Amino acid sequence: MKRFSVIAAITFPLCFPQMILSAQQKWDAIWLFGYEIPSGDSLLYHTKFDFHYDPVKITATVVGFVNFDGANAGICNEDGELQFVTDKCDVSNWNGWPPMQGGENMSNDKYDSLYCSTGGGIGQQSILALPWPDSADQYILFYYGFGSVPIANDLKPLKLYWARIDMRLNNGQGAVVEKHNIIVQDTLASGYLQAVRHANGRDWWVLTPEAGSNCYYTIKLNPTGPHMMFKQCAGQPWLMNKDWIGQAVFSPDGATYARMNWHYDLHVFDFDRCSGLLSNERTADFPNDIPYNTGGVAISANSRYVYATTTTRLWQLDLKSPDLDASKILIDTYDGQPFPDYGVFYLSYLAPDNKIYIAGTSSHRHLHVINAPDSAGLACDFAQHGVPIPTFNYTSLPNYPFFRLGAAGVPCDSISGVGVVLQGGRANEVKIFPNPAADQLHVIGLEGYGVITIADVSGKMVFLQKGAWLSNTQETIDISSLAPGFYFVSVQQNESVQQLKIVKQ
């Protein structure tokens, strides 16, 4: 791919936006996506959404070398000033060219390198940028490394890497000071890399699903860096060759995790921002009389309504409904506009203006938009092709978490210490006994806010208890109804997790 060294901006006359002022946490104030080399030009242009303005200011711009045809991430500082963008091939700072120092060759694995030799990095939701907690002007990138998996007859992420970027270096142009650090090495699902604020308002939880299972790796990012906390198995397993072309998202209030694709439809979990645990899976199925092959998901700013895209249809579901599946409402069906306006319904993101923007597949020159996603039914004001854009876009929007979520103000609101994963008990830690056990299990040493779970060998959670305990509290758990066999007991307290394999007689 040809690399470019010119920065340019052309205003796209969609509207006449006015500058607006907002408080802070504007890490997602700039969206960059799309591609186009206009006739008679030699520069690769991108679409830029600037959410400092109301309505959003849309321009065509050139940012050096990035090619947004799949992987897409970036971040602003807390004041909304663009710091860097990446297509998972290289990292470009706000200045565009050349690649940021150390930011070249982010594609560390064979198949990533092949994709980057002809375009952008492989995979939607395969890269994510976050601010490094308690460290102004430093950031972290999480990104997948893809490999061939014969059993799936497909490419899958085989590693989750992380890199650290320090924007204080090189006169504010930044540098990637470390990269290709492996934090998870396993066959992972294709995409679905997402994050949410910890309940303490400072740290982050990062989730990545394992392929061919119902398990999720949970990573905690705090000021000392990322830490692999635990692997939790919950909900329905997703087969290895049927987990692609989907999307995952957390609700703005952090209480819900949703995952969607065309094989398994919509799966929604409760999420505990203190413990990082998923629970209470709910599902919704969509009719396949008009077959679809992509699935996207977004949640409204009030955290009530979830929107699911099924290629040619847009659905709304009510998270407050006792029956999620029964709450679904068909909002609209794709009108079939031909190329170059072609663009069905796929990736969906809640923007800083509280609207939900939806990108299609293949090459399209517009986004769809839900103007009032906090409203029920057709009052959500969905507009197909509602936002013309100045460049083509190919299945790409920047993968942002919801940044404007603060501390939860609950007993786990602690910001001391480093998370560790412990196996079994040790001195001055929680003790779990007896083992083997018949009818009762005793947990001694509980203190402060904690979560106790028991899971069977398939990963299904069979017991969950949350609460705040006094110093050295003992808890007795009735396990008489459990079938004989092996179980995994997990006790998380503040910044540590202890796990023990037990035998139920």
Foldseek 3Di string as FASTA:
>chain_A
DDWDQDKDKFFDPPDDWDFDDDDWLQFPQKWWFFWDADPPGDAIWIWIWGNRTVVTTIIIIGQIGAFHQAAKAFTAFGRNHGAWIALQAFIFGPSRDDTAAAGHGSQVEDVQVVCVVPGGGDAHQFKYKDAQFPDGQKIKMWGFHWDDDVVLRDIFGQFIKMWMWHLPPPVRNIHGPDIPHTADGAGFFGHAWAWDAAQLFGKIWTWTGHAQAQKIFIWIHHNVGIHGFDIFGEDDGDHRNGRDQWYWAAALQRQKIWIAFQPFGIWIWGAHSLFRDTDDIAGADDDCPPPAGHWEWEAFNVRFWIWIFRFFWIWIFGPPDPHGHVRIDTQDGHPPDDPPQDFTFHYWYQHPVRKIWTTGADKHFAIKIQCQRVDPHNVSPTDRSPGGHPHIGHHGIHRYHNRPHGHNPDFLNDRDDAEDEAEADDPLGWHWDDFQDEFKIKIWFAAAWKKKWKAAPSSYTPDIDTDGDHGGDMDMDTPNPPDWDKMKIWMDDNRYIYIYIGTYD
